[in-house]
Protein backbone atom coordinates (compact mmCIF):
# COMPACT_ATOMS: atom_id res chain seq x y z
CA MET A 1 15.90 -7.93 -59.46
CA ARG A 2 15.59 -9.53 -56.06
CA LYS A 3 15.16 -6.07 -54.46
CA HIS A 4 12.27 -5.31 -56.82
CA ILE A 5 10.45 -8.52 -55.98
CA ILE A 6 10.84 -7.91 -52.24
CA LEU A 7 9.70 -4.32 -52.68
CA PHE A 8 6.69 -5.43 -54.75
CA PHE A 9 5.54 -7.99 -52.17
CA SER A 10 6.12 -5.53 -49.32
CA ALA A 11 3.97 -2.92 -51.06
CA LEU A 12 1.31 -5.57 -51.75
CA LEU A 13 1.33 -6.64 -48.09
CA PHE A 14 1.06 -3.01 -47.00
CA LEU A 15 -1.94 -2.44 -49.29
CA PHE A 16 -3.78 -5.48 -47.96
CA ALA A 17 -3.04 -4.47 -44.38
CA CYS A 18 -4.57 -1.03 -44.98
CA ASN A 19 -7.58 -2.49 -46.77
CA ASP A 20 -9.40 -2.99 -43.43
CA ASP A 21 -9.57 0.78 -42.84
CA ILE A 22 -11.21 1.26 -46.22
CA LYS A 23 -13.84 -1.38 -45.41
CA THR A 24 -14.70 0.15 -42.02
CA LYS A 25 -15.21 3.64 -43.40
CA GLY A 26 -18.90 4.47 -42.97
CA ILE A 27 -19.48 1.59 -40.55
CA LEU A 28 -21.15 2.30 -37.21
CA ASP A 29 -19.04 1.50 -34.16
CA ARG A 30 -20.13 -1.25 -31.76
CA GLN A 31 -21.96 0.91 -29.19
CA SER A 32 -23.75 2.96 -31.84
CA MET A 33 -24.83 -0.20 -33.62
CA ILE A 34 -26.12 -1.78 -30.40
CA SER A 35 -28.09 1.34 -29.53
CA LEU A 36 -29.52 1.56 -33.05
CA LEU A 37 -30.49 -2.13 -33.07
CA VAL A 38 -32.26 -1.72 -29.71
CA ASP A 39 -34.31 1.20 -31.02
CA ILE A 40 -35.09 -0.57 -34.28
CA HIS A 41 -36.33 -3.63 -32.40
CA LEU A 42 -38.49 -1.41 -30.19
CA VAL A 43 -40.05 0.13 -33.31
CA ASP A 44 -40.55 -3.36 -34.77
CA GLY A 45 -42.35 -4.41 -31.59
CA ALA A 46 -44.53 -1.31 -31.56
CA LEU A 47 -45.50 -1.82 -35.19
CA SER A 48 -46.29 -5.51 -34.68
CA ASN A 49 -48.81 -4.55 -31.98
CA GLN A 50 -50.69 -2.17 -34.26
CA SER A 51 -53.89 -3.57 -35.66
CA ASN A 52 -53.90 -1.15 -38.61
CA MET A 53 -51.31 -2.74 -40.88
CA ASP A 54 -51.86 -0.40 -43.84
CA SER A 55 -49.99 2.45 -42.17
CA LEU A 56 -46.80 2.09 -44.18
CA TYR A 57 -46.26 5.85 -44.14
CA ARG A 58 -46.34 5.99 -40.35
CA SER A 59 -44.06 2.97 -39.93
CA THR A 60 -41.51 4.37 -42.38
CA GLY A 61 -41.60 7.63 -40.46
CA MET A 62 -40.81 5.82 -37.23
CA TYR A 63 -37.71 4.23 -38.75
CA VAL A 64 -36.60 7.54 -40.25
CA TYR A 65 -36.99 9.13 -36.80
CA VAL A 66 -34.79 6.41 -35.25
CA PHE A 67 -32.12 6.92 -37.91
CA LYS A 68 -32.19 10.69 -37.35
CA GLN A 69 -31.92 10.17 -33.61
CA HIS A 70 -28.73 8.16 -34.16
CA HIS A 71 -27.34 10.53 -36.83
CA THR A 72 -27.34 7.88 -39.54
CA ASP A 73 -29.45 6.66 -42.44
CA SER A 74 -30.73 3.35 -43.78
CA ALA A 75 -27.83 2.99 -46.25
CA GLN A 76 -25.20 3.30 -43.52
CA PHE A 77 -27.23 0.90 -41.36
CA ARG A 78 -27.36 -1.70 -44.15
CA LYS A 79 -23.63 -1.30 -44.79
CA SER A 80 -22.95 -1.78 -41.07
CA VAL A 81 -25.18 -4.85 -40.85
CA LEU A 82 -23.41 -6.39 -43.86
CA TYR A 83 -20.03 -5.65 -42.31
CA TYR A 84 -20.94 -7.19 -38.94
CA THR A 85 -22.64 -10.26 -40.45
CA ARG A 86 -19.32 -11.13 -42.05
CA GLN A 87 -18.03 -11.52 -38.48
CA PRO A 88 -20.72 -13.79 -36.99
CA ASP A 89 -19.07 -14.33 -33.58
CA TYR A 90 -18.69 -10.59 -33.05
CA PHE A 91 -22.25 -9.97 -34.30
CA LEU A 92 -23.66 -12.59 -31.90
CA LYS A 93 -21.88 -10.90 -28.99
CA MET A 94 -23.41 -7.61 -30.09
CA TYR A 95 -26.86 -9.18 -30.19
CA ASP A 96 -26.32 -10.59 -26.70
CA ASP A 97 -25.86 -7.00 -25.54
CA VAL A 98 -28.95 -5.91 -27.49
CA ILE A 99 -30.99 -8.63 -25.77
CA LYS A 100 -29.67 -7.57 -22.35
CA VAL A 101 -30.71 -3.94 -22.96
CA LEU A 102 -34.16 -4.96 -24.24
CA GLN A 103 -34.65 -7.30 -21.26
CA ALA A 104 -33.69 -4.53 -18.83
CA LYS A 105 -36.20 -2.17 -20.47
CA SER A 106 -38.88 -4.86 -20.35
CA ASP A 107 -38.21 -5.57 -16.67
CA SER A 108 -38.42 -1.89 -15.75
CA MET A 109 -41.72 -1.54 -17.63
CA ASN A 110 -43.10 -4.62 -15.86
CA LYS A 111 -42.20 -3.07 -12.50
CA VAL A 112 -43.99 0.17 -13.39
CA VAL A 113 -47.10 -1.70 -14.53
CA ALA A 114 -47.08 -3.82 -11.36
CA LYS A 115 -46.90 -0.67 -9.20
CA GLU A 116 -49.77 0.91 -11.12
CA ASN A 117 -51.85 -2.25 -10.74
CA GLU A 118 -51.14 -2.32 -7.00
CA ILE A 119 -52.23 1.31 -6.63
CA LYS A 120 -55.43 0.64 -8.59
CA ARG A 121 -56.15 -2.48 -6.52
CA LYS A 122 -55.74 -0.57 -3.26
CA HIS A 123 -57.95 2.22 -4.56
CA MET A 124 -60.65 -0.28 -5.53
CA GLU A 125 -60.44 -1.95 -2.12
CA ALA A 126 -60.88 1.40 -0.41
CA GLU A 127 -63.90 2.18 -2.60
CA GLN A 128 -65.44 -1.21 -1.83
CA MET A 129 -64.92 -0.69 1.88
CA LYS A 130 -66.65 2.70 1.66
CA LEU A 131 -69.58 1.18 -0.22
CA GLU A 132 -69.92 -1.70 2.23
CA LYS A 133 -69.81 0.70 5.16
CA ALA A 134 -72.43 2.92 3.53
CA ARG A 135 -74.65 -0.13 2.91
CA ARG A 136 -74.29 -1.30 6.49
CA ASP A 137 -74.91 2.20 7.83
CA SER A 138 -78.03 2.65 5.71
CA ALA A 139 -79.30 -0.77 6.77
CA ALA A 140 -78.60 0.07 10.43
CA LYS A 141 -80.46 3.39 10.14
CA LYS A 142 -83.51 1.64 8.78
CA GLY A 143 -83.32 -0.89 11.55
CA ASN A 144 -82.80 -3.72 9.11
CA LYS A 145 -79.60 -5.52 9.77
CA PRO A 146 -78.45 -7.79 7.02
CA PRO A 147 -78.38 -11.43 7.99
CA ALA A 148 -75.09 -12.88 9.19
CA LYS A 149 -75.00 -15.14 6.12
CA VAL A 150 -74.96 -12.09 3.79
CA LEU A 151 -72.20 -10.40 5.82
CA LYS A 152 -70.04 -13.55 5.66
CA SER A 153 -70.57 -13.71 1.89
CA ILE A 154 -69.51 -10.08 1.46
CA ASP A 155 -66.39 -10.62 3.60
CA ARG A 156 -65.50 -13.78 1.65
CA GLN A 157 -65.86 -11.93 -1.69
CA ARG A 158 -63.69 -9.09 -0.45
CA ARG A 159 -60.93 -11.50 0.68
CA LEU A 160 -61.00 -13.26 -2.70
CA GLN A 161 -60.74 -9.96 -4.57
CA MET A 162 -57.79 -8.84 -2.45
CA ASN A 163 -55.77 -11.85 -3.61
CA LYS A 164 -56.49 -11.32 -7.32
CA PRO A 165 -54.29 -9.00 -9.44
CA PHE A 166 -56.04 -6.06 -11.01
CA ILE A 167 -56.78 -6.65 -14.68
CA PRO A 168 -58.53 -3.75 -16.39
CA LYS A 169 -61.56 -4.59 -18.51
CA ARG A 170 -61.46 -3.90 -22.22
CA GLN A 171 -63.67 -1.11 -23.36
CA ASN A 172 -66.24 -1.93 -25.98
CA LEU A 173 -65.33 0.20 -28.96
CA PRO A 174 -67.59 0.66 -31.98
CA LYS A 175 -66.55 -1.37 -34.99
CA GLY A 176 -64.02 0.29 -37.26
CA GLN A 177 -61.91 1.81 -34.50
């Protein structure tokens, strides 16, 4: 009888030890989950910036595209989220990695935008210099030199504009667009 009890508890222990494999079947691994969460948060951010909020079809399509890109679906994603939320410390570490990836992407985009703004600023400065030179040349041809006060004002404005970052102006769009 004692052998049967020991055998029963051993089999029970074995079944509970193997239960973890059954729970993790269909669960995304850590790296896949981090990558999927990054892409989902990028889609969330893109959708929050859209002014047309009635585009449910388009937003659903974006999520479906992300799931296809990661070879998964929304059901497996939900199952994975439920699994990882049962382990909050592990899930928080995963989200720390998600935040690091998103911050790196944000920093690289900020660098690209800053370079573009610098190129536009330099281009505008060159155009202003050409215009000023053309104005001065046309005034010199006519024999009318601009007063020194006007030249100082133009130079002062140019110096002030060189220190400002380039901020593009919003285009006036017709209502409804």
